[in-house]
Amino acid sequence: MADGILTVGGFASAEIMEKKSRFIGYINTAADEDEAQAFLREIRAKHRDATHNCYAYQVGEHNQFQRSSDDGEPSGTSGRPILEVIKGAGLQNTVIVVTRYFGGILLGTGGLVRAYTAAAKAAVAAADVVRLQPASLFALTVEYSSWQRLENWLYTKGYKVEDVRFTDKVDVRVCVPQPEAAGLAAALTETLGLPVQPMLLGADILLPGLAAE
């Protein structure tokens, strides 16, 4: 996870037609299997009248959880092709459900593979693909006299500020990209002109980075 992961920024969908059959591809991010299954239940509830709701997902830090289902289609013609689209796009923590409304014309096994693959790829194309970068969460405490300089510096660096509390001092919680986390104390000391000791609250937090090419 040192270089982050590719996933989708959120929900998206796309629709294709193949010999009068309607294929609707739905895609979403899922942090774990529970979220993937919850998304599947949502789509199934929305399309109770569909002929099939086939799906696949790949979740886990090392893609260790991979599941797919043909949902009544001939074995290997839908769930597995959807999973291959996810893997081929290099996406992690991603779930795709392809809903089919049968149009009365049989597609054959090859036609089904092509149609489900096309619907899954259309869903990926409709989504915003993002790279999540590993970050660490720190707690900082500064005097009010240092807050303006700290706030400006955090803004300039583009760090995500999770929380700011104003009590007798200013308490800040901020996420810092892991490559920069080790030098945070030195950078703060240089910026504020006085020693600051950040407190590490959590590591291996994934934050959106630049949009993937």
Protein backbone atom coordinates (compact mmCIF):
# COMPACT_ATOMS: atom_id res chain seq x y z
CA MET A 1 0.00 0.00 0.00
CA ALA A 2 3.05 2.29 0.00
CA ASP A 3 2.04 3.83 -3.32
CA GLY A 4 -1.67 3.92 -2.49
CA ILE A 5 -4.45 2.13 -4.33
CA LEU A 6 -6.65 2.80 -7.33
CA THR A 7 -10.38 2.76 -6.69
CA VAL A 8 -13.48 4.66 -7.72
CA GLY A 9 -14.51 7.90 -6.07
CA GLY A 10 -18.10 6.76 -5.59
CA PHE A 11 -21.23 5.51 -7.28
CA ALA A 12 -21.62 5.52 -11.06
CA SER A 13 -23.65 3.63 -13.63
CA ALA A 14 -23.90 3.02 -17.35
CA GLU A 15 -26.27 1.12 -19.62
CA ILE A 16 -25.84 -0.83 -22.84
CA MET A 17 -28.21 -2.77 -25.09
CA GLU A 18 -27.35 -6.10 -26.68
CA LYS A 19 -29.89 -7.82 -28.94
CA LYS A 20 -32.80 -6.25 -27.04
CA SER A 21 -31.39 -7.24 -23.63
CA ARG A 22 -30.77 -4.32 -21.30
CA PHE A 23 -27.55 -4.39 -19.26
CA ILE A 24 -27.06 -1.80 -16.51
CA GLY A 25 -23.62 -1.63 -14.90
CA TYR A 26 -23.37 -0.21 -11.39
CA ILE A 27 -20.05 0.50 -9.69
CA ASN A 28 -19.09 1.74 -6.25
CA THR A 29 -16.25 1.77 -3.78
CA ALA A 30 -16.33 -0.73 -0.90
CA ALA A 31 -13.93 -0.74 2.03
CA ASP A 32 -14.68 -4.39 2.86
CA GLU A 33 -16.95 -7.31 2.02
CA ASP A 34 -19.76 -5.99 4.20
CA GLU A 35 -19.93 -2.77 2.17
CA ALA A 36 -19.74 -4.71 -1.10
CA GLN A 37 -22.60 -6.97 -0.03
CA ALA A 38 -24.63 -3.98 1.17
CA PHE A 39 -24.27 -2.39 -2.27
CA LEU A 40 -25.33 -5.64 -3.92
CA ARG A 41 -28.46 -5.77 -1.73
CA GLU A 42 -29.25 -2.18 -2.66
CA ILE A 43 -29.11 -2.92 -6.39
CA ARG A 44 -31.07 -6.15 -6.01
CA ALA A 45 -33.79 -4.27 -4.12
CA LYS A 46 -33.91 -1.63 -6.83
CA HIS A 47 -34.19 -4.26 -9.58
CA ARG A 48 -36.31 -7.00 -8.02
CA ASP A 49 -37.91 -7.57 -11.41
CA ALA A 50 -34.61 -8.00 -13.28
CA THR A 51 -33.73 -11.30 -14.94
CA HIS A 52 -30.28 -11.34 -13.33
CA ASN A 53 -28.16 -9.23 -10.97
CA CYS A 54 -24.62 -10.50 -11.52
CA TYR A 55 -21.72 -9.08 -9.58
CA ALA A 56 -18.08 -9.14 -8.64
CA TYR A 57 -15.91 -7.33 -6.15
CA GLN A 58 -12.29 -7.09 -5.10
CA VAL A 59 -11.53 -5.74 -1.63
CA GLY A 60 -8.74 -5.88 0.93
CA GLU A 61 -5.29 -4.38 1.21
CA HIS A 62 -3.87 -7.21 -0.87
CA ASN A 63 -7.03 -7.94 -2.90
CA GLN A 64 -7.47 -11.02 -0.75
CA PHE A 65 -11.26 -10.98 -0.99
CA GLN A 66 -12.49 -11.63 -4.52
CA ARG A 67 -16.03 -12.77 -5.11
CA SER A 68 -18.25 -13.12 -8.16
CA SER A 69 -21.65 -14.54 -9.02
CA ASP A 70 -23.41 -15.48 -12.27
CA ASP A 71 -26.81 -15.23 -10.54
CA GLY A 72 -28.36 -17.90 -12.73
CA GLU A 73 -26.55 -17.11 -15.98
CA PRO A 74 -24.47 -19.98 -17.47
CA SER A 75 -21.39 -20.62 -15.36
CA GLY A 76 -18.49 -18.30 -16.08
CA THR A 77 -20.38 -15.98 -18.44
CA SER A 78 -21.01 -12.99 -16.15
CA GLY A 79 -19.53 -12.83 -12.66
CA ARG A 80 -16.04 -13.86 -13.70
CA PRO A 81 -15.91 -11.45 -16.69
CA ILE A 82 -17.00 -8.62 -14.37
CA LEU A 83 -14.22 -9.52 -11.93
CA GLU A 84 -11.70 -9.55 -14.77
CA VAL A 85 -12.74 -6.00 -15.70
CA ILE A 86 -12.08 -4.86 -12.11
CA LYS A 87 -8.70 -6.60 -12.07
CA GLY A 88 -7.79 -5.39 -15.55
CA ALA A 89 -8.46 -1.78 -14.52
CA GLY A 90 -6.22 -2.24 -11.46
CA LEU A 91 -9.04 -1.30 -9.08
CA GLN A 92 -9.11 -2.25 -5.42
CA ASN A 93 -11.97 -1.94 -2.94
CA THR A 94 -14.41 -1.89 -5.85
CA VAL A 95 -17.72 -3.62 -6.51
CA ILE A 96 -19.63 -3.89 -9.79
CA VAL A 97 -23.17 -5.19 -10.23
CA VAL A 98 -24.55 -5.73 -13.74
CA THR A 99 -28.33 -5.95 -13.94
CA ARG A 100 -29.85 -7.68 -16.96
CA TYR A 101 -33.37 -7.46 -18.35
CA PHE A 102 -33.78 -10.26 -20.89
CA GLY A 103 -34.91 -9.03 -24.30
CA GLY A 104 -36.09 -12.32 -25.72
CA ILE A 105 -33.04 -13.21 -27.82
CA LEU A 106 -30.51 -15.73 -26.53
CA LEU A 107 -26.94 -14.41 -26.68
CA GLY A 108 -25.01 -17.66 -26.26
CA THR A 109 -22.09 -18.05 -23.87
CA GLY A 110 -19.73 -15.92 -25.93
CA GLY A 111 -22.32 -13.20 -26.36
CA LEU A 112 -23.01 -13.13 -22.63
CA VAL A 113 -19.32 -12.79 -21.79
CA ARG A 114 -18.99 -9.90 -24.24
CA ALA A 115 -22.14 -8.17 -22.98
CA TYR A 116 -21.29 -8.40 -19.28
CA THR A 117 -17.72 -7.34 -19.98
CA ALA A 118 -18.93 -4.34 -21.98
CA ALA A 119 -21.41 -3.31 -19.27
CA ALA A 120 -18.76 -3.55 -16.54
CA LYS A 121 -16.28 -1.55 -18.63
CA ALA A 122 -18.95 1.09 -19.30
CA ALA A 123 -19.50 1.42 -15.54
CA VAL A 124 -15.76 1.87 -14.96
CA ALA A 125 -15.62 4.49 -17.71
CA ALA A 126 -18.51 6.38 -16.09
CA ALA A 127 -16.80 6.46 -12.69
CA ASP A 128 -14.16 8.79 -11.34
CA VAL A 129 -11.07 6.66 -10.79
CA VAL A 130 -8.93 8.03 -7.96
CA ARG A 131 -5.71 7.07 -6.25
CA LEU A 132 -5.95 6.82 -2.48
CA GLN A 133 -2.68 7.75 -0.81
CA PRO A 134 -1.59 6.37 2.59
CA ALA A 135 -1.47 9.02 5.28
CA SER A 136 -0.98 9.34 9.03
CA LEU A 137 -3.24 11.21 11.45
CA PHE A 138 -1.54 13.57 13.91
CA ALA A 139 -2.70 15.72 16.82
CA LEU A 140 -1.06 19.15 17.13
CA THR A 141 -1.40 21.70 19.93
CA VAL A 142 -0.25 25.29 19.51
CA GLU A 143 -0.74 28.64 21.19
CA TYR A 144 -3.19 31.09 19.65
CA SER A 145 -0.27 33.29 18.60
CA SER A 146 0.97 30.47 16.31
CA TRP A 147 -2.36 29.39 14.89
CA GLN A 148 -2.50 31.75 11.91
CA ARG A 149 0.94 30.71 10.71
CA LEU A 150 0.08 27.04 11.22
CA GLU A 151 -3.26 27.37 9.42
CA ASN A 152 -1.62 29.06 6.43
CA TRP A 153 1.10 26.43 6.30
CA LEU A 154 -1.37 23.55 6.44
CA TYR A 155 -3.38 25.14 3.65
CA THR A 156 -0.28 25.65 1.51
CA LYS A 157 0.77 22.03 2.01
CA GLY A 158 -2.70 20.79 1.11
CA TYR A 159 -2.97 18.60 4.20
CA LYS A 160 -6.45 17.45 5.22
CA VAL A 161 -7.46 19.04 8.53
CA GLU A 162 -9.87 16.69 10.28
CA ASP A 163 -10.73 18.83 13.31
CA VAL A 164 -9.85 22.14 15.00
CA ARG A 165 -10.78 22.90 18.60
CA PHE A 166 -10.29 26.23 20.33
CA THR A 167 -9.86 25.89 24.09
CA ASP A 168 -7.06 27.48 26.12
CA LYS A 169 -4.92 26.49 23.11
CA VAL A 170 -5.63 25.37 19.55
CA ASP A 171 -5.89 21.61 19.06
CA VAL A 172 -5.65 20.38 15.48
CA ARG A 173 -6.00 16.94 13.94
CA VAL A 174 -4.43 16.67 10.52
CA CYS A 175 -3.72 13.92 8.00
CA VAL A 176 -0.23 13.99 6.49
CA PRO A 177 0.93 11.85 3.52
CA GLN A 178 3.16 9.11 4.86
CA PRO A 179 6.26 10.13 2.87
CA GLU A 180 6.13 13.47 4.71
CA ALA A 181 5.07 12.18 8.13
CA ALA A 182 8.58 11.46 9.40
CA GLY A 183 9.69 15.05 8.82
CA LEU A 184 6.55 16.70 10.20
CA ALA A 185 8.04 17.75 13.56
CA ALA A 186 11.07 19.39 11.92
CA ALA A 187 8.91 21.15 9.33
CA LEU A 188 6.58 22.53 12.01
CA THR A 189 9.49 23.73 14.13
CA GLU A 190 10.96 25.55 11.14
CA THR A 191 7.61 27.06 10.17
CA LEU A 192 6.54 28.22 13.62
CA GLY A 193 9.98 29.02 15.02
CA LEU A 194 9.45 26.90 18.12
CA PRO A 195 9.47 23.19 18.97
CA VAL A 196 6.28 21.30 18.14
CA GLN A 197 5.84 17.61 18.87
CA PRO A 198 3.05 16.02 16.82
CA MET A 199 1.25 13.06 18.40
CA LEU A 200 0.62 10.13 16.05
CA LEU A 201 -3.00 8.98 16.32
CA GLY A 202 -3.20 6.57 13.42
CA ALA A 203 -1.33 5.28 10.39
CA ASP A 204 -2.28 3.66 7.08
CA ILE A 205 -5.22 5.99 6.52
CA LEU A 206 -6.20 6.23 2.86
CA LEU A 207 -6.95 9.68 1.49
CA PRO A 208 -7.88 10.79 -2.03
CA GLY A 209 -4.87 11.94 -4.00
CA LEU A 210 -4.72 13.19 -7.56
CA ALA A 211 -7.20 11.82 -10.04
CA ALA A 212 -5.78 8.85 -11.88
CA GLU A 213 -4.78 9.25 -15.50
